[in-house]
Amino acid sequence: MKKFLTLLLMVAAIGCLSCCSKKSEKSESKESDQVTEAAETTASPFTGQFAGKKITAKQGAAEQQEEADDFVKEARLCDMAQKYGFKLGACVSYSQLNRASYIKMLAEDFNTTTATNEFKAYSLLNQRKSMEAGVPAMSYGQADAIARMAQEKGIGIRGHVLVWDAYMTQWFFREGFKSDGAIVSKEEMEKRLKIYIEDVITHFETEFPGLVYCWDVVNEAVADGPNEWIPDNPYHIRQSRGGQTNIFYQTMGEDYVKYAFKCAHDTVQKVNPNIKLFYNDYSTFYQGKRDAIIALIKYLNKDEKLCDGVGMQGYIGGYGQQNGCMSNNDLSLIKTAIKMYSDLGIEVQLTEVAVRNYDVLQMEKHGKFYGNLMRTIISACNEGANFTGLTIWGIADNPNLSKSDYSYKMNGPYCGLFDKDLKYKKAYKEVYKVLAE
């Protein structure tokens, strides 16, 4: 009888445990459903402009997978990169200065930054002041605010950019700086450009000594195809962009690139000879454009060294589409280009990196590809390439971007080292692991 009672009690206990287990499973399932539902209406604090937009269950699942991995950070990314001889950075805009989380992210992992627009001529030039003074006059307010932040955080600045034909304000090239004035002579335009370059470089070196350690002097002057470059020009200097005339070429001729470098060179020799001068462009690792840029650098440095380096814009992968993204062939091309530019006796930097990804389910592959990109760079460094900097423009995901948005096409919504909330992604962890090896 005693044995029978003991057996009866054991059966009752097992039944109770089974019931509790089922209740627990139902409770966990319900809680999971509530988390998913809540995630679908969570806005991104990174951009602050998508309140009310939903994050899909597919996106939520991918992000939960990202968060599932254990990761311990023991060093800054830039400090680990420095042991290989290059700076590591991310871009910043004036509007982001008030986003504490973004500035915190910059300071915690990067030792260089680039202003997305605020250092460009069309942002600095002031038409009213120029008309009153009769010479180019600038308004430095927003650019100075970025410089002060960088100085306070101990972050260097890549000055971007002194001369760029795209979006350039037209009144700069007209009589009296008037919007309806006649185009000025070549001599007058050379005078204006010299004043502008001298003033900008001198301003930042005077107000923030040593902060701007290099300048992109000219941006995207080498055209993509024969329909856009000057006929018979060995450096493929562009005469037009998307059907619009390159106004620097129109007013100054095909030697405007060398003239700009000469002005910049003479200025840094006076204010700080340690400032490096770069030529910056996109598609720099594809053979046709790469070879034209190499010819241009040789020309610029033939008589005296005017150009200290090449900035390779690093938009990697298909433009606006997943096809072509995360191709190992691109890594091979990038390494070859880094070594070929370095062989010219100059520095090489990747300046506007966006490792494109348009598919939320490809996070794992994207992370591994990012790690392999870093391995490619380190391999080039170990083989003697003078690679000195990498700056990321597609730094964080923005899953709510419309497909018609310029940033969607240029960067991709899932391009970042960080997710939309500036949390570490698989890509960050892979880059960290490679740099720590």
Protein backbone atom coordinates (compact mmCIF):
# COMPACT_ATOMS: atom_id res chain seq x y z
CA MET A 1 0.00 0.00 0.00
CA LYS A 2 2.86 2.38 0.88
CA LYS A 3 4.51 1.76 -2.49
CA PHE A 4 1.17 2.33 -4.24
CA LEU A 5 0.67 5.73 -2.55
CA THR A 6 4.23 6.79 -3.46
CA LEU A 7 3.63 5.89 -7.11
CA LEU A 8 0.32 7.78 -7.11
CA LEU A 9 2.03 10.94 -5.78
CA MET A 10 4.75 10.73 -8.48
CA VAL A 11 2.15 10.54 -11.29
CA ALA A 12 0.32 13.58 -9.86
CA ALA A 13 3.57 15.57 -9.69
CA ILE A 14 4.47 14.76 -13.31
CA GLY A 15 1.01 15.91 -14.43
CA CYS A 16 1.39 19.17 -12.56
CA LEU A 17 4.80 19.83 -14.09
CA SER A 18 3.43 19.15 -17.57
CA CYS A 19 0.58 21.59 -17.03
CA CYS A 20 2.94 24.28 -15.75
CA SER A 21 5.23 23.75 -18.72
CA LYS A 22 2.38 24.25 -21.18
CA LYS A 23 1.27 27.40 -19.38
CA SER A 24 4.84 28.70 -19.50
CA GLU A 25 5.11 27.97 -23.24
CA LYS A 26 1.84 29.82 -23.87
CA SER A 27 3.02 32.74 -21.77
CA GLU A 28 6.40 32.93 -23.61
CA SER A 29 4.63 32.72 -26.96
CA LYS A 30 2.26 35.53 -26.03
CA GLU A 31 5.15 37.68 -24.77
CA SER A 32 7.04 37.06 -28.01
CA ASP A 33 4.00 38.14 -30.04
CA GLN A 34 3.79 41.35 -28.00
CA VAL A 35 7.49 42.11 -28.61
CA THR A 36 7.09 41.58 -32.35
CA GLU A 37 3.99 43.77 -32.46
CA ALA A 38 5.75 46.49 -30.52
CA ALA A 39 8.78 46.29 -32.85
CA GLU A 40 6.55 46.84 -35.87
CA THR A 41 5.69 50.34 -34.70
CA THR A 42 9.08 51.37 -33.32
CA ALA A 43 10.50 54.52 -34.96
CA SER A 44 14.22 55.00 -35.55
CA PRO A 45 15.84 57.44 -33.11
CA PHE A 46 18.87 57.54 -35.45
CA THR A 47 17.07 59.59 -38.08
CA GLY A 48 14.24 60.97 -36.00
CA GLN A 49 12.04 61.38 -39.07
CA PHE A 50 10.17 58.10 -39.41
CA ALA A 51 7.70 58.29 -36.52
CA GLY A 52 4.72 56.06 -37.19
CA LYS A 53 6.41 53.98 -39.89
CA LYS A 54 6.45 50.26 -39.25
CA ILE A 55 9.32 47.85 -39.15
CA THR A 56 8.32 44.57 -40.76
CA ALA A 57 8.42 41.21 -39.03
CA LYS A 58 11.18 40.22 -41.47
CA GLN A 59 13.30 43.17 -40.34
CA GLY A 60 12.57 42.44 -36.69
CA ALA A 61 13.63 38.80 -37.04
CA ALA A 62 16.90 39.81 -38.69
CA GLU A 63 17.64 42.33 -35.94
CA GLN A 64 16.86 39.80 -33.19
CA GLN A 65 19.39 37.45 -34.79
CA GLU A 66 21.94 40.28 -34.73
CA GLU A 67 21.33 40.83 -31.02
CA ALA A 68 21.60 37.14 -30.17
CA ASP A 69 25.41 37.01 -30.59
CA ASP A 70 27.64 37.65 -27.57
CA PHE A 71 30.18 40.40 -28.13
CA VAL A 72 32.66 42.10 -25.82
CA LYS A 73 34.38 45.29 -26.94
CA GLU A 74 37.81 45.95 -25.45
CA ALA A 75 39.28 48.58 -27.80
CA ARG A 76 38.28 51.33 -30.22
CA LEU A 77 38.17 50.38 -33.88
CA CYS A 78 40.42 53.29 -34.85
CA ASP A 79 43.07 52.35 -32.29
CA MET A 80 43.25 48.85 -33.72
CA ALA A 81 43.38 50.21 -37.29
CA GLN A 82 46.21 52.56 -36.38
CA LYS A 83 48.57 49.64 -35.76
CA TYR A 84 48.30 48.94 -39.50
CA GLY A 85 49.01 52.59 -40.30
CA PHE A 86 45.60 53.99 -41.21
CA LYS A 87 42.96 56.21 -39.66
CA LEU A 88 39.35 55.06 -39.38
CA GLY A 89 36.43 57.43 -39.59
CA ALA A 90 32.81 58.22 -40.37
CA CYS A 91 31.02 61.18 -41.92
CA VAL A 92 29.05 63.84 -40.06
CA SER A 93 26.62 66.61 -41.00
CA TYR A 94 25.70 69.83 -39.21
CA SER A 95 22.25 68.47 -38.39
CA GLN A 96 23.81 65.51 -36.55
CA LEU A 97 25.69 67.70 -34.09
CA ASN A 98 22.61 67.80 -31.86
CA ARG A 99 22.19 64.01 -31.90
CA ALA A 100 24.11 62.95 -28.84
CA SER A 101 24.00 59.26 -29.72
CA TYR A 102 25.62 59.88 -33.11
CA ILE A 103 28.42 62.07 -31.71
CA LYS A 104 29.00 59.49 -28.97
CA MET A 105 29.33 56.80 -31.65
CA LEU A 106 31.89 58.93 -33.52
CA ALA A 107 33.99 59.57 -30.44
CA GLU A 108 33.94 55.97 -29.26
CA ASP A 109 35.33 54.35 -32.41
CA PHE A 110 36.75 56.87 -34.90
CA ASN A 111 39.68 59.28 -35.12
CA THR A 112 38.75 61.05 -38.36
CA THR A 113 35.58 62.50 -39.82
CA THR A 114 34.42 64.16 -43.03
CA ALA A 115 31.66 66.74 -43.32
CA THR A 116 29.15 65.54 -45.90
CA ASN A 117 28.43 69.00 -47.37
CA GLU A 118 29.43 71.81 -45.05
CA PHE A 119 33.04 72.18 -46.25
CA LYS A 120 32.08 72.32 -49.93
CA ALA A 121 32.19 75.55 -51.92
CA TYR A 122 28.45 75.75 -52.48
CA SER A 123 27.99 75.61 -48.69
CA LEU A 124 30.72 78.12 -47.80
CA LEU A 125 30.36 80.79 -50.49
CA ASN A 126 28.17 83.76 -49.55
CA GLN A 127 26.72 85.61 -52.53
CA ARG A 128 25.73 88.84 -50.74
CA LYS A 129 29.11 89.18 -49.02
CA SER A 130 30.92 88.41 -52.28
CA MET A 131 28.95 91.07 -54.16
CA GLU A 132 29.73 93.63 -51.45
CA ALA A 133 33.43 92.75 -51.24
CA GLY A 134 34.03 92.22 -54.95
CA VAL A 135 35.96 89.03 -54.14
CA PRO A 136 34.87 85.57 -52.96
CA ALA A 137 33.58 85.75 -49.37
CA MET A 138 32.56 82.85 -47.16
CA SER A 139 30.25 82.03 -44.26
CA TYR A 140 31.93 79.44 -42.04
CA GLY A 141 29.30 79.04 -39.31
CA GLN A 142 28.17 75.45 -39.89
CA ALA A 143 31.61 74.20 -40.92
CA ASP A 144 33.16 75.78 -37.83
CA ALA A 145 30.56 74.08 -35.62
CA ILE A 146 31.63 70.70 -37.02
CA ALA A 147 35.29 71.62 -36.57
CA ARG A 148 34.72 72.60 -32.93
CA MET A 149 33.00 69.29 -32.21
CA ALA A 150 35.84 67.36 -33.81
CA GLN A 151 38.44 69.36 -31.94
CA GLU A 152 36.69 68.76 -28.61
CA LYS A 153 36.48 65.02 -29.29
CA GLY A 154 40.05 64.70 -30.54
CA ILE A 155 38.93 63.69 -34.05
CA GLY A 156 40.84 64.84 -37.16
CA ILE A 157 39.07 66.16 -40.27
CA ARG A 158 39.39 65.33 -43.97
CA GLY A 159 38.59 68.61 -45.73
CA HIS A 160 36.09 67.78 -48.46
CA VAL A 161 36.20 69.41 -51.00
CA LEU A 162 37.73 72.58 -52.54
CA VAL A 163 36.81 72.14 -56.23
CA TRP A 164 33.83 70.13 -57.49
CA ASP A 165 31.73 70.90 -60.54
CA ALA A 166 28.57 69.11 -59.34
CA TYR A 167 25.94 71.38 -57.72
CA MET A 168 28.40 74.27 -57.90
CA THR A 169 26.85 77.69 -57.43
CA GLN A 170 26.85 79.46 -60.80
CA TRP A 171 27.11 83.06 -59.63
CA PHE A 172 30.69 82.36 -58.52
CA PHE A 173 31.62 82.40 -62.24
CA ARG A 174 29.66 85.53 -63.22
CA GLU A 175 30.37 89.26 -63.36
CA GLY A 176 29.79 91.00 -60.07
CA PHE A 177 28.85 87.63 -58.52
CA LYS A 178 25.36 88.28 -59.86
CA SER A 179 23.13 85.39 -60.83
CA ASP A 180 22.39 87.00 -64.21
CA GLY A 181 25.89 88.36 -64.85
CA ALA A 182 28.03 87.40 -67.84
CA ILE A 183 30.59 84.60 -67.46
CA VAL A 184 33.93 86.09 -66.39
CA SER A 185 37.25 85.70 -68.22
CA LYS A 186 39.71 82.90 -67.55
CA GLU A 187 42.06 85.35 -65.82
CA GLU A 188 39.33 86.57 -63.48
CA MET A 189 38.23 83.02 -62.71
CA GLU A 190 41.77 81.97 -61.86
CA LYS A 191 42.01 84.96 -59.52
CA ARG A 192 38.74 84.06 -57.79
CA LEU A 193 39.61 80.40 -57.39
CA LYS A 194 43.01 81.22 -55.92
CA ILE A 195 41.45 83.61 -53.38
CA TYR A 196 38.84 81.02 -52.46
CA ILE A 197 41.30 78.14 -51.96
CA GLU A 198 43.73 80.29 -49.98
CA ASP A 199 40.99 81.66 -47.74
CA VAL A 200 39.41 78.29 -46.94
CA ILE A 201 42.63 76.42 -46.16
CA THR A 202 44.01 79.34 -44.15
CA HIS A 203 40.78 79.81 -42.20
CA PHE A 204 40.66 76.29 -40.83
CA GLU A 205 44.38 76.13 -40.11
CA THR A 206 44.24 79.47 -38.28
CA GLU A 207 41.07 78.78 -36.29
CA PHE A 208 41.72 75.07 -35.67
CA PRO A 209 45.48 74.46 -36.03
CA GLY A 210 46.36 70.97 -37.23
CA LEU A 211 42.75 69.76 -37.19
CA VAL A 212 42.23 69.49 -40.97
CA TYR A 213 45.07 67.12 -41.80
CA CYS A 214 44.26 66.73 -45.50
CA TRP A 215 42.11 68.26 -48.25
CA ASP A 216 40.37 66.78 -51.25
CA VAL A 217 41.50 69.51 -53.64
CA VAL A 218 39.54 68.33 -56.69
CA ASN A 219 36.65 65.88 -56.77
CA GLU A 220 35.43 63.76 -59.70
CA ALA A 221 37.23 65.57 -62.51
CA VAL A 222 37.86 62.34 -64.48
CA ALA A 223 34.86 61.43 -66.62
CA ASP A 224 33.32 57.98 -67.00
CA GLY A 225 32.97 57.81 -70.78
CA PRO A 226 34.16 59.48 -74.01
CA ASN A 227 30.86 61.33 -74.32
CA GLU A 228 31.77 63.29 -71.16
CA TRP A 229 35.53 63.78 -71.36
CA ILE A 230 37.49 66.28 -73.40
CA PRO A 231 38.37 64.75 -76.79
CA ASP A 232 41.95 63.41 -76.93
CA ASN A 233 42.60 64.36 -73.30
CA PRO A 234 44.91 61.65 -71.87
CA TYR A 235 43.52 62.13 -68.35
CA HIS A 236 39.85 62.03 -69.42
CA ILE A 237 39.12 65.39 -67.76
CA ARG A 238 35.37 65.83 -67.82
CA GLN A 239 33.77 68.50 -69.95
CA SER A 240 30.25 67.58 -68.84
CA ARG A 241 28.28 65.67 -66.22
CA GLY A 242 24.86 64.26 -67.02
CA GLY A 243 24.50 66.63 -69.96
CA GLN A 244 25.55 69.69 -67.91
CA THR A 245 28.77 71.52 -68.81
CA ASN A 246 31.59 71.36 -66.27
CA ILE A 247 31.76 75.08 -65.52
CA PHE A 248 35.35 74.91 -64.23
CA TYR A 249 36.41 73.50 -67.60
CA GLN A 250 34.19 76.00 -69.41
CA THR A 251 35.77 79.02 -67.70
CA MET A 252 39.34 77.84 -67.07
CA GLY A 253 40.10 75.12 -69.60
CA GLU A 254 41.33 71.56 -69.12
CA ASP A 255 44.20 72.61 -66.84
CA TYR A 256 41.89 73.77 -64.04
CA VAL A 257 42.75 70.65 -62.02
CA LYS A 258 46.47 71.39 -61.98
CA TYR A 259 45.82 75.07 -61.28
CA ALA A 260 43.70 74.19 -58.23
CA PHE A 261 46.40 71.85 -56.91
CA LYS A 262 49.05 74.53 -57.42
CA CYS A 263 47.01 77.05 -55.42
CA ALA A 264 46.41 74.55 -52.64
CA HIS A 265 50.06 73.46 -52.61
CA ASP A 266 51.37 77.01 -52.34
CA THR A 267 48.90 77.75 -49.54
CA VAL A 268 49.75 74.75 -47.35
CA GLN A 269 53.45 75.49 -47.77
CA LYS A 270 52.75 78.81 -46.08
CA VAL A 271 50.31 77.74 -43.34
CA ASN A 272 51.18 74.09 -42.60
CA PRO A 273 53.28 71.90 -44.92
CA ASN A 274 52.01 68.79 -43.11
CA ILE A 275 48.55 69.13 -44.68
CA LYS A 276 48.17 66.51 -47.42
CA LEU A 277 46.46 67.21 -50.74
CA PHE A 278 44.28 64.56 -52.40
CA TYR A 279 42.52 63.90 -55.66
CA ASN A 280 39.17 62.19 -54.92
CA ASP A 281 36.86 60.24 -57.26
CA TYR A 282 34.40 57.35 -57.58
CA SER A 283 34.83 54.09 -59.55
CA THR A 284 38.55 54.40 -58.86
CA PHE A 285 39.13 50.64 -58.77
CA TYR A 286 37.75 49.96 -62.25
CA GLN A 287 40.46 49.72 -64.89
CA GLY A 288 39.49 52.49 -67.32
CA LYS A 289 39.05 55.20 -64.74
CA ARG A 290 41.89 53.90 -62.57
CA ASP A 291 44.38 54.18 -65.42
CA ALA A 292 43.19 57.69 -66.33
CA ILE A 293 43.61 58.81 -62.71
CA ILE A 294 47.11 57.31 -62.60
CA ALA A 295 47.99 59.30 -65.73
CA LEU A 296 46.56 62.45 -64.12
CA ILE A 297 48.59 62.00 -60.92
CA LYS A 298 51.78 61.49 -62.91
CA TYR A 299 51.05 64.71 -64.79
CA LEU A 300 50.29 66.68 -61.62
CA ASN A 301 53.52 65.54 -59.96
CA LYS A 302 55.79 65.68 -63.00
CA ASP A 303 57.61 68.92 -62.17
CA GLU A 304 56.85 69.19 -58.45
CA LYS A 305 54.77 67.07 -56.10
CA LEU A 306 51.39 68.78 -56.02
CA CYS A 307 49.23 65.76 -55.19
CA ASP A 308 49.97 63.72 -52.06
CA GLY A 309 47.30 61.07 -52.45
CA VAL A 310 44.25 59.53 -54.08
CA GLY A 311 40.92 59.26 -52.34
CA MET A 312 38.99 56.23 -53.54
CA GLN A 313 35.27 56.68 -52.97
CA GLY A 314 34.18 53.29 -51.71
CA TYR A 315 30.63 52.75 -52.92
CA ILE A 316 30.81 48.98 -53.27
CA GLY A 317 28.11 46.87 -54.91
CA GLY A 318 25.08 47.23 -57.17
CA TYR A 319 23.62 50.72 -57.51
CA GLY A 320 20.09 50.62 -56.10
CA GLN A 321 19.83 46.83 -56.36
CA GLN A 322 21.10 43.71 -54.62
CA ASN A 323 22.55 42.25 -57.79
CA GLY A 324 26.28 42.99 -57.78
CA CYS A 325 26.52 43.51 -54.03
CA MET A 326 29.16 41.81 -51.89
CA SER A 327 31.22 40.53 -54.81
CA ASN A 328 34.66 39.13 -54.04
CA ASN A 329 35.80 40.44 -57.41
CA ASP A 330 35.38 43.98 -56.07
CA LEU A 331 37.75 43.17 -53.22
CA SER A 332 40.37 42.00 -55.69
CA LEU A 333 39.95 45.17 -57.77
CA ILE A 334 40.20 47.39 -54.69
CA LYS A 335 43.44 45.78 -53.54
CA THR A 336 44.98 46.05 -57.01
CA ALA A 337 44.02 49.74 -57.24
CA ILE A 338 45.39 50.54 -53.77
CA LYS A 339 48.74 49.04 -54.68
CA MET A 340 48.88 50.72 -58.12
CA TYR A 341 48.14 54.18 -56.71
CA SER A 342 50.59 53.59 -53.86
CA ASP A 343 53.28 52.68 -56.38
CA LEU A 344 53.11 56.30 -57.58
CA GLY A 345 54.73 57.32 -54.30
CA ILE A 346 51.52 58.75 -52.82
CA GLU A 347 49.05 57.95 -50.06
CA VAL A 348 45.82 56.07 -50.69
CA GLN A 349 42.58 56.36 -48.74
CA LEU A 350 39.07 54.94 -49.04
CA THR A 351 37.03 58.07 -48.49
CA GLU A 352 33.29 57.44 -48.85
CA VAL A 353 32.73 53.80 -48.00
CA ALA A 354 29.27 52.27 -48.31
CA VAL A 355 29.18 48.49 -48.44
CA ARG A 356 25.81 48.24 -50.14
CA ASN A 357 23.14 45.81 -49.02
CA TYR A 358 19.46 46.03 -49.93
CA ASP A 359 18.28 42.76 -48.38
CA VAL A 360 17.63 42.50 -44.63
CA LEU A 361 18.09 38.73 -44.81
CA GLN A 362 21.67 39.14 -46.05
CA MET A 363 23.01 40.59 -42.79
CA GLU A 364 25.25 37.57 -42.14
CA LYS A 365 26.76 37.71 -45.62
CA HIS A 366 27.13 41.48 -45.39
CA GLY A 367 28.99 41.18 -42.11
CA LYS A 368 31.41 38.60 -43.46
CA PHE A 369 32.00 40.68 -46.59
CA TYR A 370 32.78 43.74 -44.48
CA GLY A 371 35.30 41.68 -42.54
CA ASN A 372 36.87 40.53 -45.79
CA LEU A 373 37.08 44.13 -47.00
CA MET A 374 39.10 44.95 -43.90
CA ARG A 375 41.30 41.88 -44.49
CA THR A 376 41.88 43.10 -48.05
CA ILE A 377 43.03 46.50 -46.81
CA ILE A 378 45.29 44.99 -44.15
CA SER A 379 46.76 42.63 -46.73
CA ALA A 380 47.60 45.60 -48.99
CA CYS A 381 49.21 47.38 -46.02
CA ASN A 382 51.25 44.31 -45.14
CA GLU A 383 52.46 44.14 -48.74
CA GLY A 384 53.81 47.69 -48.56
CA ALA A 385 50.92 49.85 -49.80
CA ASN A 386 50.84 53.36 -48.32
CA PHE A 387 47.21 53.15 -47.21
CA THR A 388 46.46 55.86 -44.64
CA GLY A 389 42.72 56.18 -44.09
CA LEU A 390 39.24 54.71 -44.37
CA THR A 391 36.13 56.84 -43.87
CA ILE A 392 32.65 55.30 -43.86
CA TRP A 393 29.65 57.21 -45.21
CA GLY A 394 27.11 54.38 -44.99
CA ILE A 395 27.73 54.03 -41.27
CA ALA A 396 24.25 53.02 -40.02
CA ASP A 397 21.23 51.21 -41.43
CA ASN A 398 18.16 53.17 -42.47
CA PRO A 399 15.49 50.54 -43.25
CA ASN A 400 12.73 53.07 -43.89
CA LEU A 401 14.37 54.66 -46.93
CA SER A 402 12.18 54.87 -50.02
CA LYS A 403 13.58 53.14 -53.10
CA SER A 404 13.44 56.49 -54.88
CA ASP A 405 15.64 58.12 -52.22
CA TYR A 406 19.15 59.09 -53.29
CA SER A 407 20.64 57.55 -50.14
CA TYR A 408 18.82 54.28 -50.83
CA LYS A 409 20.60 53.97 -54.17
CA MET A 410 23.98 55.29 -53.03
CA ASN A 411 24.30 53.41 -49.73
CA GLY A 412 21.55 50.80 -49.46
CA PRO A 413 19.26 50.55 -46.41
CA TYR A 414 21.34 47.82 -44.70
CA CYS A 415 24.85 49.07 -45.43
CA GLY A 416 26.00 49.96 -41.92
CA LEU A 417 28.37 48.79 -39.26
CA PHE A 418 25.58 49.86 -36.92
CA ASP A 419 21.84 49.24 -37.05
CA LYS A 420 19.21 51.97 -37.11
CA ASP A 421 19.60 52.47 -33.34
CA LEU A 422 23.41 52.62 -33.58
CA LYS A 423 23.82 49.18 -32.04
CA TYR A 424 26.63 46.93 -33.23
CA LYS A 425 25.74 44.78 -36.23
CA LYS A 426 27.37 41.61 -37.51
CA ALA A 427 29.42 43.87 -39.79
CA TYR A 428 30.85 45.80 -36.84
CA LYS A 429 31.73 42.60 -35.00
CA GLU A 430 33.43 41.11 -38.05
CA VAL A 431 35.49 44.27 -38.63
CA TYR A 432 36.42 44.33 -34.95
CA LYS A 433 37.49 40.69 -35.07
CA VAL A 434 39.68 41.23 -38.14
CA LEU A 435 41.34 44.33 -36.70
CA ALA A 436 41.98 42.49 -33.44
CA GLU A 437 43.70 39.52 -35.13
